[in-house]
């Protein structure tokens, strides 16, 4: 096992212990070129674990980062910008994704989410 695999394992253990369960809801639809419309959307849920934190006051610019936005650090399936995170009976839309990926090993995902 490499150093980065050890770091990934440690991060997962810490989030399992101190984090909260998160559902990643991914909705997909198919475009029908005959009708020119999307078919009915289907959603699939994935389980993840993470922690939520507030942005610092100096990071809130009112446009890209708004008051009430959260930072989420999580493990699990790779998130997409079209995903919805469900935690504590709240639904958050993903605004930005950053992967912590030293030397090609994804350890964590840092997300910017909004209610």
PDB file of N, CA and C in Angstrom:
ATOM      1  N   UNK A   1       0.840  -1.177   0.000  1.00  0.00           N
ATOM      2  CA  UNK A   1       0.000   0.000   0.000  1.00  0.00           C
ATOM      3  C   UNK A   1       0.885   1.240   0.000  1.00  0.00           C
ATOM      4  N   UNK A   2       0.534   2.192  -0.822  1.00  0.00           N
ATOM      5  CA  UNK A   2       1.334   3.404  -0.892  1.00  0.00           C
ATOM      6  C   UNK A   2       0.943   4.375   0.214  1.00  0.00           C
ATOM      7  N   UNK A   3       1.731   5.380   0.355  1.00  0.00           N
ATOM      8  CA  UNK A   3       1.451   6.424   1.343  1.00  0.00           C
ATOM      9  C   UNK A   3       0.079   7.032   1.108  1.00  0.00           C
ATOM     10  N   UNK A   4      -0.276   7.314  -0.147  1.00  0.00           N
ATOM     11  CA  UNK A   4      -1.547   7.975  -0.438  1.00  0.00           C
ATOM     12  C   UNK A   4      -2.735   7.049  -0.196  1.00  0.00           C
ATOM     13  N   UNK A   5      -2.569   5.755  -0.424  1.00  0.00           N
ATOM     14  CA  UNK A   5      -3.637   4.815  -0.079  1.00  0.00           C
ATOM     15  C   UNK A   5      -3.845   4.774   1.433  1.00  0.00           C
ATOM     16  N   UNK A   6      -2.749   4.878   2.183  1.00  0.00           N
ATOM     17  CA  UNK A   6      -2.856   4.950   3.647  1.00  0.00           C
ATOM     18  C   UNK A   6      -3.582   6.220   4.081  1.00  0.00           C
ATOM     19  N   UNK A   7      -3.269   7.344   3.431  1.00  0.00           N
ATOM     20  CA  UNK A   7      -3.946   8.603   3.750  1.00  0.00           C
ATOM     21  C   UNK A   7      -5.439   8.515   3.431  1.00  0.00           C
ATOM     22  N   UNK A   8      -5.769   7.905   2.297  1.00  0.00           N
ATOM     23  CA  UNK A   8      -7.173   7.740   1.925  1.00  0.00           C
ATOM     24  C   UNK A   8      -7.903   6.895   2.971  1.00  0.00           C
ATOM     25  N   UNK A   9      -7.288   5.801   3.381  1.00  0.00           N
ATOM     26  CA  UNK A   9      -7.890   4.924   4.376  1.00  0.00           C
ATOM     27  C   UNK A   9      -8.091   5.661   5.703  1.00  0.00           C
ATOM     28  N   UNK A  10      -7.108   6.449   6.108  1.00  0.00           N
ATOM     29  CA  UNK A  10      -7.203   7.211   7.351  1.00  0.00           C
ATOM     30  C   UNK A  10      -8.310   8.267   7.257  1.00  0.00           C
ATOM     31  N   UNK A  11      -8.400   8.946   6.119  1.00  0.00           N
ATOM     32  CA  UNK A  11      -9.448   9.951   5.933  1.00  0.00           C
ATOM     33  C   UNK A  11     -10.828   9.304   5.998  1.00  0.00           C
ATOM     34  N   UNK A  12     -10.987   8.163   5.364  1.00  0.00           N
ATOM     35  CA  UNK A  12     -12.272   7.458   5.403  1.00  0.00           C
ATOM     36  C   UNK A  12     -12.631   7.041   6.822  1.00  0.00           C
ATOM     37  N   UNK A  13     -11.651   6.557   7.587  1.00  0.00           N
ATOM     38  CA  UNK A  13     -11.906   6.146   8.970  1.00  0.00           C
ATOM     39  C   UNK A  13     -12.325   7.341   9.828  1.00  0.00           C
ATOM     40  N   UNK A  14     -11.643   8.472   9.662  1.00  0.00           N
ATOM     41  CA  UNK A  14     -11.975   9.663  10.441  1.00  0.00           C
ATOM     42  C   UNK A  14     -13.362  10.199  10.084  1.00  0.00           C
ATOM     43  N   UNK A  15     -13.695  10.206   8.802  1.00  0.00           N
ATOM     44  CA  UNK A  15     -15.019  10.685   8.413  1.00  0.00           C
ATOM     45  C   UNK A  15     -16.104   9.718   8.861  1.00  0.00           C
ATOM     46  N   UNK A  16     -15.825   8.416   8.826  1.00  0.00           N
ATOM     47  CA  UNK A  16     -16.796   7.444   9.332  1.00  0.00           C
ATOM     48  C   UNK A  16     -17.073   7.679  10.813  1.00  0.00           C
ATOM     49  N   UNK A  17     -16.022   8.044  11.558  1.00  0.00           N
ATOM     50  CA  UNK A  17     -16.160   8.235  12.993  1.00  0.00           C
ATOM     51  C   UNK A  17     -16.798   9.578  13.342  1.00  0.00           C
ATOM     52  N   UNK A  18     -16.377  10.652  12.666  1.00  0.00           N
ATOM     53  CA  UNK A  18     -16.796  11.996  13.052  1.00  0.00           C
ATOM     54  C   UNK A  18     -17.751  12.669  12.064  1.00  0.00           C
ATOM     55  N   UNK A  19     -17.906  12.087  10.888  1.00  0.00           N
ATOM     56  CA  UNK A  19     -18.756  12.696   9.870  1.00  0.00           C
ATOM     57  C   UNK A  19     -20.212  12.291   9.998  1.00  0.00           C
ATOM     58  N   UNK A  20     -20.983  12.681   9.010  1.00  0.00           N
ATOM     59  CA  UNK A  20     -22.404  12.359   8.984  1.00  0.00           C
ATOM     60  C   UNK A  20     -22.740  11.687   7.658  1.00  0.00           C
ATOM     61  N   UNK A  21     -23.798  10.875   7.654  1.00  0.00           N
ATOM     62  CA  UNK A  21     -24.193  10.248   6.391  1.00  0.00           C
ATOM     63  C   UNK A  21     -24.747  11.285   5.421  1.00  0.00           C
ATOM     64  N   UNK A  22     -24.396  11.129   4.167  1.00  0.00           N
ATOM     65  CA  UNK A  22     -24.846  12.013   3.099  1.00  0.00           C
ATOM     66  C   UNK A  22     -25.371  11.141   1.969  1.00  0.00           C
ATOM     67  N   UNK A  23     -26.474  11.542   1.404  1.00  0.00           N
ATOM     68  CA  UNK A  23     -26.980  10.881   0.203  1.00  0.00           C
ATOM     69  C   UNK A  23     -26.649  11.769  -0.984  1.00  0.00           C
ATOM     70  N   UNK A  24     -26.032  11.180  -1.986  1.00  0.00           N
ATOM     71  CA  UNK A  24     -25.783  11.889  -3.240  1.00  0.00           C
ATOM     72  C   UNK A  24     -26.870  11.430  -4.207  1.00  0.00           C
ATOM     73  N   UNK A  25     -27.750  12.333  -4.577  1.00  0.00           N
ATOM     74  CA  UNK A  25     -28.852  12.002  -5.481  1.00  0.00           C
ATOM     75  C   UNK A  25     -28.489  12.474  -6.885  1.00  0.00           C
ATOM     76  N   UNK A  26     -28.381  11.525  -7.788  1.00  0.00           N
ATOM     77  CA  UNK A  26     -27.987  11.818  -9.168  1.00  0.00           C
ATOM     78  C   UNK A  26     -29.187  11.551 -10.067  1.00  0.00           C
ATOM     79  N   UNK A  27     -29.626  12.584 -10.766  1.00  0.00           N
ATOM     80  CA  UNK A  27     -30.763  12.475 -11.670  1.00  0.00           C
ATOM     81  C   UNK A  27     -30.258  12.481 -13.104  1.00  0.00           C
ATOM     82  N   UNK A  28     -30.789  11.557 -13.889  1.00  0.00           N
ATOM     83  CA  UNK A  28     -30.383  11.494 -15.291  1.00  0.00           C
ATOM     84  C   UNK A  28     -31.617  11.400 -16.175  1.00  0.00           C
ATOM     85  N   UNK A  29     -31.495  11.922 -17.366  1.00  0.00           N
ATOM     86  CA  UNK A  29     -32.564  11.832 -18.350  1.00  0.00           C
ATOM     87  C   UNK A  29     -31.921  11.603 -19.710  1.00  0.00           C
ATOM     88  N   UNK A  30     -32.720  11.201 -20.668  1.00  0.00           N
ATOM     89  CA  UNK A  30     -32.218  10.926 -22.012  1.00  0.00           C
ATOM     90  C   UNK A  30     -32.940  11.838 -22.998  1.00  0.00           C
ATOM     91  N   UNK A  31     -32.188  12.433 -23.889  1.00  0.00           N
ATOM     92  CA  UNK A  31     -32.766  13.314 -24.904  1.00  0.00           C
ATOM     93  C   UNK A  31     -33.301  12.474 -26.054  1.00  0.00           C
ATOM     94  N   UNK A  32     -34.553  12.713 -26.428  1.00  0.00           N
ATOM     95  CA  UNK A  32     -35.175  12.023 -27.563  1.00  0.00           C
ATOM     96  C   UNK A  32     -35.151  12.965 -28.763  1.00  0.00           C
ATOM     97  N   UNK A  33     -34.308  12.685 -29.783  1.00  0.00           N
ATOM     98  CA  UNK A  33     -34.190  13.600 -30.916  1.00  0.00           C
ATOM     99  C   UNK A  33     -35.464  13.676 -31.760  1.00  0.00           C
ATOM    100  N   UNK A  34     -36.315  12.656 -31.695  1.00  0.00           N
ATOM    101  CA  UNK A  34     -37.555  12.656 -32.471  1.00  0.00           C
ATOM    102  C   UNK A  34     -38.527  13.696 -31.921  1.00  0.00           C
ATOM    103  N   UNK A  35     -38.694  13.691 -30.588  1.00  0.00           N
ATOM    104  CA  UNK A  35     -39.628  14.640 -29.976  1.00  0.00           C
ATOM    105  C   UNK A  35     -38.959  15.957 -29.608  1.00  0.00           C
ATOM    106  N   UNK A  36     -37.627  15.934 -29.507  1.00  0.00           N
ATOM    107  CA  UNK A  36     -36.901  17.129 -29.101  1.00  0.00           C
ATOM    108  C   UNK A  36     -36.990  17.409 -27.613  1.00  0.00           C
ATOM    109  N   UNK A  37     -37.359  16.377 -26.837  1.00  0.00           N
ATOM    110  CA  UNK A  37     -37.528  16.555 -25.395  1.00  0.00           C
ATOM    111  C   UNK A  37     -36.726  15.504 -24.631  1.00  0.00           C
ATOM    112  N   UNK A  38     -36.506  15.809 -23.359  1.00  0.00           N
ATOM    113  CA  UNK A  38     -35.874  14.832 -22.474  1.00  0.00           C
ATOM    114  C   UNK A  38     -36.913  13.832 -22.011  1.00  0.00           C
ATOM    115  N   UNK A  39     -36.502  12.585 -21.864  1.00  0.00           N
ATOM    116  CA  UNK A  39     -37.396  11.574 -21.310  1.00  0.00           C
ATOM    117  C   UNK A  39     -37.487  11.771 -19.811  1.00  0.00           C
ATOM    118  N   UNK A  40     -38.374  11.036 -19.196  1.00  0.00           N
ATOM    119  CA  UNK A  40     -38.559  11.156 -17.747  1.00  0.00           C
ATOM    120  C   UNK A  40     -37.240  10.945 -17.024  1.00  0.00           C
ATOM    121  N   UNK A  41     -37.003  11.795 -16.050  1.00  0.00           N
ATOM    122  CA  UNK A  41     -35.761  11.719 -15.279  1.00  0.00           C
ATOM    123  C   UNK A  41     -35.822  10.558 -14.301  1.00  0.00           C
ATOM    124  N   UNK A  42     -34.694   9.901 -14.144  1.00  0.00           N
ATOM    125  CA  UNK A  42     -34.561   8.849 -13.152  1.00  0.00           C
ATOM    126  C   UNK A  42     -33.483   9.272 -12.182  1.00  0.00           C
ATOM    127  N   UNK A  43     -33.693   8.989 -10.906  1.00  0.00           N
ATOM    128  CA  UNK A  43     -32.667   9.355  -9.936  1.00  0.00           C
ATOM    129  C   UNK A  43     -32.127   8.102  -9.262  1.00  0.00           C
ATOM    130  N   UNK A  44     -30.870   8.190  -8.901  1.00  0.00           N
ATOM    131  CA  UNK A  44     -30.201   7.105  -8.193  1.00  0.00           C
ATOM    132  C   UNK A  44     -29.479   7.719  -7.010  1.00  0.00           C
ATOM    133  N   UNK A  45     -29.579   7.064  -5.859  1.00  0.00           N
ATOM    134  CA  UNK A  45     -28.944   7.553  -4.640  1.00  0.00           C
ATOM    135  C   UNK A  45     -27.675   6.772  -4.347  1.00  0.00           C
ATOM    136  N   UNK A  46     -26.648   7.493  -3.908  1.00  0.00           N
ATOM    137  CA  UNK A  46     -25.380   6.905  -3.488  1.00  0.00           C
ATOM    138  C   UNK A  46     -25.118   7.336  -2.054  1.00  0.00           C
ATOM    139  N   UNK A  47     -24.506   6.463  -1.289  1.00  0.00           N
ATOM    140  CA  UNK A  47     -24.185   6.762   0.103  1.00  0.00           C
ATOM    141  C   UNK A  47     -22.776   7.346   0.191  1.00  0.00           C
ATOM    142  N   UNK A  48     -22.622   8.333   1.042  1.00  0.00           N
ATOM    143  CA  UNK A  48     -21.321   8.950   1.292  1.00  0.00           C
ATOM    144  C   UNK A  48     -21.276   9.372   2.753  1.00  0.00           C
ATOM    145  N   UNK A  49     -20.112   9.801   3.187  1.00  0.00           N
ATOM    146  CA  UNK A  49     -19.919  10.312   4.544  1.00  0.00           C
ATOM    147  C   UNK A  49     -19.115  11.594   4.427  1.00  0.00           C
ATOM    148  N   UNK A  50     -19.498  12.607   5.207  1.00  0.00           N
ATOM    149  CA  UNK A  50     -18.759  13.848   5.122  1.00  0.00           C
ATOM    150  C   UNK A  50     -19.013  14.772   6.298  1.00  0.00           C
ATOM    151  N   UNK A  51     -18.368  15.918   6.236  1.00  0.00           N
ATOM    152  CA  UNK A  51     -18.550  16.962   7.237  1.00  0.00           C
ATOM    153  C   UNK A  51     -18.900  18.271   6.532  1.00  0.00           C
ATOM    154  N   UNK A  52     -19.745  19.050   7.170  1.00  0.00           N
ATOM    155  CA  UNK A  52     -20.160  20.351   6.652  1.00  0.00           C
ATOM    156  C   UNK A  52     -19.466  21.443   7.455  1.00  0.00           C
ATOM    157  N   UNK A  53     -19.093  22.509   6.781  1.00  0.00           N
ATOM    158  CA  UNK A  53     -18.484  23.661   7.446  1.00  0.00           C
ATOM    159  C   UNK A  53     -18.959  24.932   6.750  1.00  0.00           C
ATOM    160  N   UNK A  54     -18.940  26.035   7.475  1.00  0.00           N
ATOM    161  CA  UNK A  54     -19.294  27.334   6.902  1.00  0.00           C
ATOM    162  C   UNK A  54     -18.095  27.932   6.194  1.00  0.00           C
ATOM    163  N   UNK A  55     -18.372  28.784   5.223  1.00  0.00           N
ATOM    164  CA  UNK A  55     -17.312  29.588   4.616  1.00  0.00           C
ATOM    165  C   UNK A  55     -16.947  30.709   5.572  1.00  0.00           C
ATOM    166  N   UNK A  56     -15.701  31.138   5.548  1.00  0.00           N
ATOM    167  CA  UNK A  56     -15.283  32.292   6.339  1.00  0.00           C
ATOM    168  C   UNK A  56     -15.936  33.548   5.779  1.00  0.00           C
ATOM    169  N   UNK A  57     -16.131  34.542   6.625  1.00  0.00           N
ATOM    170  CA  UNK A  57     -16.758  35.790   6.182  1.00  0.00           C
ATOM    171  C   UNK A  57     -16.035  36.417   5.007  1.00  0.00           C
ATOM    172  N   UNK A  58     -14.709  36.368   5.013  1.00  0.00           N
ATOM    173  CA  UNK A  58     -13.955  37.001   3.933  1.00  0.00           C
ATOM    174  C   UNK A  58     -14.039  36.219   2.620  1.00  0.00           C
ATOM    175  N   UNK A  59     -14.557  34.986   2.643  1.00  0.00           N
ATOM    176  CA  UNK A  59     -14.729  34.202   1.420  1.00  0.00           C
ATOM    177  C   UNK A  59     -16.077  34.486   0.751  1.00  0.00           C
ATOM    178  N   UNK A  60     -17.026  35.035   1.495  1.00  0.00           N
ATOM    179  CA  UNK A  60     -18.370  35.276   0.970  1.00  0.00           C
ATOM    180  C   UNK A  60     -18.354  36.574   0.173  1.00  0.00           C
ATOM    181  N   UNK A  61     -18.556  36.445  -1.148  1.00  0.00           N
ATOM    182  CA  UNK A  61     -18.531  37.621  -2.015  1.00  0.00           C
ATOM    183  C   UNK A  61     -19.925  38.025  -2.489  1.00  0.00           C
ATOM    184  N   UNK A  62     -20.942  37.234  -2.155  1.00  0.00           N
ATOM    185  CA  UNK A  62     -22.314  37.569  -2.534  1.00  0.00           C
ATOM    186  C   UNK A  62     -22.709  37.100  -3.924  1.00  0.00           C
ATOM    187  N   UNK A  63     -21.762  36.649  -4.717  1.00  0.00           N
ATOM    188  CA  UNK A  63     -22.096  36.139  -6.046  1.00  0.00           C
ATOM    189  C   UNK A  63     -21.709  34.661  -6.154  1.00  0.00           C
ATOM    190  N   UNK A  64     -20.423  34.379  -6.214  1.00  0.00           N
ATOM    191  CA  UNK A  64     -19.988  32.980  -6.298  1.00  0.00           C
ATOM    192  C   UNK A  64     -20.242  32.242  -4.988  1.00  0.00           C
ATOM    193  N   UNK A  65     -19.915  32.873  -3.901  1.00  0.00           N
ATOM    194  CA  UNK A  65     -20.159  32.293  -2.579  1.00  0.00           C
ATOM    195  C   UNK A  65     -21.119  33.214  -1.842  1.00  0.00           C
ATOM    196  N   UNK A  66     -22.263  32.665  -1.478  1.00  0.00           N
ATOM    197  CA  UNK A  66     -23.305  33.444  -0.828  1.00  0.00           C
ATOM    198  C   UNK A  66     -23.436  33.042   0.633  1.00  0.00           C
ATOM    199  N   UNK A  67     -24.033  33.930   1.418  1.00  0.00           N
ATOM    200  CA  UNK A  67     -24.279  33.617   2.821  1.00  0.00           C
ATOM    201  C   UNK A  67     -25.159  32.370   2.891  1.00  0.00           C
ATOM    202  N   UNK A  68     -24.810  31.429   3.735  1.00  0.00           N
ATOM    203  CA  UNK A  68     -25.553  30.184   3.859  1.00  0.00           C
ATOM    204  C   UNK A  68     -24.950  29.030   3.080  1.00  0.00           C
ATOM    205  N   UNK A  69     -24.043  29.325   2.135  1.00  0.00           N
ATOM    206  CA  UNK A  69     -23.355  28.260   1.415  1.00  0.00           C
ATOM    207  C   UNK A  69     -22.480  27.480   2.384  1.00  0.00           C
ATOM    208  N   UNK A  70     -22.226  26.235   2.061  1.00  0.00           N
ATOM    209  CA  UNK A  70     -21.432  25.363   2.924  1.00  0.00           C
ATOM    210  C   UNK A  70     -20.297  24.730   2.146  1.00  0.00           C
ATOM    211  N   UNK A  71     -19.257  24.353   2.900  1.00  0.00           N
ATOM    212  CA  UNK A  71     -18.174  23.519   2.382  1.00  0.00           C
ATOM    213  C   UNK A  71     -18.456  22.107   2.871  1.00  0.00           C
ATOM    214  N   UNK A  72     -18.275  21.136   2.013  1.00  0.00           N
ATOM    215  CA  UNK A  72     -18.452  19.741   2.398  1.00  0.00           C
ATOM    216  C   UNK A  72     -17.182  18.999   2.027  1.00  0.00           C
ATOM    217  N   UNK A  73     -16.621  18.283   2.984  1.00  0.00           N
ATOM    218  CA  UNK A  73     -15.498  17.387   2.732  1.00  0.00           C
ATOM    219  C   UNK A  73     -16.046  15.985   2.890  1.00  0.00           C
ATOM    220  N   UNK A  74     -15.877  15.165   1.836  1.00  0.00           N
ATOM    221  CA  UNK A  74     -16.516  13.852   1.857  1.00  0.00           C
ATOM    222  C   UNK A  74     -15.693  12.797   1.133  1.00  0.00           C
ATOM    223  N   UNK A  75     -16.038  11.554   1.427  1.00  0.00           N
ATOM    224  CA  UNK A  75     -15.510  10.408   0.700  1.00  0.00           C
ATOM    225  C   UNK A  75     -16.695   9.751   0.007  1.00  0.00           C
ATOM    226  N   UNK A  76     -16.413   8.815  -0.842  1.00  0.00           N
ATOM    227  CA  UNK A  76     -17.484   8.088  -1.526  1.00  0.00           C
ATOM    228  C   UNK A  76     -17.394   8.285  -3.019  1.00  0.00           C
ATOM    229  N   UNK A  77     -18.542   8.133  -3.667  1.00  0.00           N
ATOM    230  CA  UNK A  77     -18.618   8.220  -5.114  1.00  0.00           C
ATOM    231  C   UNK A  77     -18.253   9.630  -5.583  1.00  0.00           C
ATOM    232  N   UNK A  78     -17.667   9.712  -6.770  1.00  0.00           N
ATOM    233  CA  UNK A  78     -17.286  11.012  -7.324  1.00  0.00           C
ATOM    234  C   UNK A  78     -18.534  11.855  -7.565  1.00  0.00           C
ATOM    235  N   UNK A  79     -18.617  13.037  -6.960  1.00  0.00           N
ATOM    236  CA  UNK A  79     -19.790  13.891  -7.147  1.00  0.00           C
ATOM    237  C   UNK A  79     -19.761  14.598  -8.503  1.00  0.00           C
ATOM    238  N   UNK A  80     -20.954  14.961  -8.982  1.00  0.00           N
ATOM    239  CA  UNK A  80     -21.103  15.728 -10.221  1.00  0.00           C
ATOM    240  C   UNK A  80     -21.786  17.052  -9.893  1.00  0.00           C
ATOM    241  N   UNK A  81     -21.599  18.039 -10.758  1.00  0.00           N
ATOM    242  CA  UNK A  81     -22.226  19.343 -10.529  1.00  0.00           C
ATOM    243  C   UNK A  81     -23.744  19.263 -10.550  1.00  0.00           C
ATOM    244  N   UNK A  82     -24.300  18.282 -11.229  1.00  0.00           N
ATOM    245  CA  UNK A  82     -25.758  18.152 -11.306  1.00  0.00           C
ATOM    246  C   UNK A  82     -26.347  17.381 -10.124  1.00  0.00           C
ATOM    247  N   UNK A  83     -25.518  16.909  -9.200  1.00  0.00           N
ATOM    248  CA  UNK A  83     -25.986  16.127  -8.062  1.00  0.00           C
ATOM    249  C   UNK A  83     -26.643  17.019  -7.010  1.00  0.00           C
ATOM    250  N   UNK A  84     -27.465  16.375  -6.201  1.00  0.00           N
ATOM    251  CA  UNK A  84     -28.062  17.007  -5.021  1.00  0.00           C
ATOM    252  C   UNK A  84     -27.582  16.217  -3.816  1.00  0.00           C
ATOM    253  N   UNK A  85     -27.096  16.909  -2.788  1.00  0.00           N
ATOM    254  CA  UNK A  85     -26.695  16.260  -1.546  1.00  0.00           C
ATOM    255  C   UNK A  85     -27.836  16.381  -0.551  1.00  0.00           C
ATOM    256  N   UNK A  86     -28.148  15.279   0.109  1.00  0.00           N
ATOM    257  CA  UNK A  86     -29.207  15.273   1.117  1.00  0.00           C
ATOM    258  C   UNK A  86     -28.567  14.903   2.448  1.00  0.00           C
ATOM    259  N   UNK A  87     -28.712  15.798   3.424  1.00  0.00           N
ATOM    260  CA  UNK A  87     -28.175  15.567   4.772  1.00  0.00           C
ATOM    261  C   UNK A  87     -29.014  16.373   5.752  1.00  0.00           C
ATOM    262  N   UNK A  88     -29.309  15.767   6.891  1.00  0.00           N
ATOM    263  CA  UNK A  88     -30.113  16.439   7.926  1.00  0.00           C
ATOM    264  C   UNK A  88     -31.422  16.998   7.364  1.00  0.00           C
ATOM    265  N   UNK A  89     -32.078  16.229   6.515  1.00  0.00           N
ATOM    266  CA  UNK A  89     -33.358  16.625   5.906  1.00  0.00           C
ATOM    267  C   UNK A  89     -33.269  17.907   5.087  1.00  0.00           C
ATOM    268  N   UNK A  90     -32.079  18.253   4.621  1.00  0.00           N
ATOM    269  CA  UNK A  90     -31.866  19.418   3.764  1.00  0.00           C
ATOM    270  C   UNK A  90     -31.317  18.934   2.422  1.00  0.00           C
ATOM    271  N   UNK A  91     -31.697  19.630   1.346  1.00  0.00           N
ATOM    272  CA  UNK A  91     -31.171  19.316   0.027  1.00  0.00           C
ATOM    273  C   UNK A  91     -30.277  20.456  -0.435  1.00  0.00           C
ATOM    274  N   UNK A  92     -29.065  20.112  -0.805  1.00  0.00           N
ATOM    275  CA  UNK A  92     -28.066  21.081  -1.243  1.00  0.00           C
ATOM    276  C   UNK A  92     -27.717  20.814  -2.698  1.00  0.00           C
ATOM    277  N   UNK A  93     -27.598  21.861  -3.488  1.00  0.00           N
ATOM    278  CA  UNK A  93     -27.125  21.706  -4.856  1.00  0.00           C
ATOM    279  C   UNK A  93     -25.619  21.927  -4.875  1.00  0.00           C
ATOM    280  N   UNK A  94     -24.941  21.165  -5.698  1.00  0.00           N
ATOM    281  CA  UNK A  94     -23.488  21.256  -5.792  1.00  0.00           C
ATOM    282  C   UNK A  94     -23.128  22.436  -6.689  1.00  0.00           C
ATOM    283  N   UNK A  95     -22.331  23.362  -6.166  1.00  0.00           N
ATOM    284  CA  UNK A  95     -21.906  24.546  -6.901  1.00  0.00           C
ATOM    285  C   UNK A  95     -20.483  24.408  -7.444  1.00  0.00           C
ATOM    286  N   UNK A  96     -19.667  23.614  -6.748  1.00  0.00           N
ATOM    287  CA  UNK A  96     -18.276  23.439  -7.168  1.00  0.00           C
ATOM    288  C   UNK A  96     -17.694  22.180  -6.553  1.00  0.00           C
ATOM    289  N   UNK A  97     -16.733  21.606  -7.265  1.00  0.00           N
ATOM    290  CA  UNK A  97     -16.109  20.356  -6.826  1.00  0.00           C
ATOM    291  C   UNK A  97     -14.600  20.492  -6.964  1.00  0.00           C
ATOM    292  N   UNK A  98     -13.909  20.070  -5.927  1.00  0.00           N
ATOM    293  CA  UNK A  98     -12.444  20.013  -5.972  1.00  0.00           C
ATOM    294  C   UNK A  98     -12.032  18.664  -5.393  1.00  0.00           C
ATOM    295  N   UNK A  99     -11.187  17.965  -6.112  1.00  0.00           N
ATOM    296  CA  UNK A  99     -10.737  16.679  -5.586  1.00  0.00           C
ATOM    297  C   UNK A  99      -9.354  16.826  -4.978  1.00  0.00           C
ATOM    298  N   UNK A 100      -9.172  16.209  -3.837  1.00  0.00           N
ATOM    299  CA  UNK A 100      -7.856  16.146  -3.202  1.00  0.00           C
ATOM    300  C   UNK A 100      -7.223  14.878  -3.754  1.00  0.00           C
ATOM    301  N   UNK A 101      -6.236  15.057  -4.624  1.00  0.00           N
ATOM    302  CA  UNK A 101      -5.745  13.965  -5.438  1.00  0.00           C
ATOM    303  C   UNK A 101      -4.224  14.028  -5.598  1.00  0.00           C
ATOM    304  N   UNK A 102      -3.476  13.704  -4.539  1.00  0.00           N
ATOM    305  CA  UNK A 102      -2.027  13.697  -4.705  1.00  0.00           C
ATOM    306  C   UNK A 102      -1.581  12.434  -5.448  1.00  0.00           C
ATOM    307  N   UNK A 103      -0.794  12.608  -6.457  1.00  0.00           N
ATOM    308  CA  UNK A 103      -0.187  11.498  -7.203  1.00  0.00           C
ATOM    309  C   UNK A 103      -1.210  10.524  -7.774  1.00  0.00           C
ATOM    310  N   UNK A 104      -2.396  11.031  -8.142  1.00  0.00           N
ATOM    311  CA  UNK A 104      -3.384  10.188  -8.804  1.00  0.00           C
ATOM    312  C   UNK A 104      -4.272   9.362  -7.901  1.00  0.00           C
ATOM    313  N   UNK A 105      -4.187   9.543  -6.596  1.00  0.00           N
ATOM    314  CA  UNK A 105      -5.045   8.816  -5.659  1.00  0.00           C
ATOM    315  C   UNK A 105      -6.031   9.797  -5.044  1.00  0.00           C
ATOM    316  N   UNK A 106      -7.313   9.672  -5.406  1.00  0.00           N
ATOM    317  CA  UNK A 106      -8.331  10.565  -4.842  1.00  0.00           C
ATOM    318  C   UNK A 106      -8.535  10.196  -3.382  1.00  0.00           C
ATOM    319  N   UNK A 107      -8.261  11.153  -2.505  1.00  0.00           N
ATOM    320  CA  UNK A 107      -8.396  10.923  -1.063  1.00  0.00           C
ATOM    321  C   UNK A 107      -9.737  11.461  -0.570  1.00  0.00           C
ATOM    322  N   UNK A 108     -10.072  12.675  -0.961  1.00  0.00           N
ATOM    323  CA  UNK A 108     -11.294  13.342  -0.508  1.00  0.00           C
ATOM    324  C   UNK A 108     -11.857  14.193  -1.629  1.00  0.00           C
ATOM    325  N   UNK A 109     -13.114  14.603  -1.452  1.00  0.00           N
ATOM    326  CA  UNK A 109     -13.754  15.578  -2.316  1.00  0.00           C
ATOM    327  C   UNK A 109     -14.114  16.782  -1.472  1.00  0.00           C
ATOM    328  N   UNK A 110     -13.770  17.972  -1.941  1.00  0.00           N
ATOM    329  CA  UNK A 110     -14.194  19.225  -1.307  1.00  0.00           C
ATOM    330  C   UNK A 110     -15.262  19.836  -2.195  1.00  0.00           C
ATOM    331  N   UNK A 111     -16.438  20.076  -1.626  1.00  0.00           N
ATOM    332  CA  UNK A 111     -17.552  20.601  -2.392  1.00  0.00           C
ATOM    333  C   UNK A 111     -17.988  21.950  -1.849  1.00  0.00           C
ATOM    334  N   UNK A 112     -18.519  22.769  -2.740  1.00  0.00           N
ATOM    335  CA  UNK A 112     -19.212  24.003  -2.393  1.00  0.00           C
ATOM    336  C   UNK A 112     -20.669  23.714  -2.692  1.00  0.00           C
ATOM    337  N   UNK A 113     -21.546  23.793  -1.666  1.00  0.00           N
ATOM    338  CA  UNK A 113     -22.955  23.476  -1.843  1.00  0.00           C
ATOM    339  C   UNK A 113     -23.835  24.630  -1.367  1.00  0.00           C
ATOM    340  N   UNK A 114     -25.067  24.626  -1.881  1.00  0.00           N
ATOM    341  CA  UNK A 114     -26.019  25.696  -1.546  1.00  0.00           C
ATOM    342  C   UNK A 114     -27.401  25.086  -1.306  1.00  0.00           C
ATOM    343  N   UNK A 115     -28.107  25.617  -0.304  1.00  0.00           N
ATOM    344  CA  UNK A 115     -29.485  25.188  -0.047  1.00  0.00           C
ATOM    345  C   UNK A 115     -30.395  25.582  -1.189  1.00  0.00           C
TER     346      UNK A 115
END
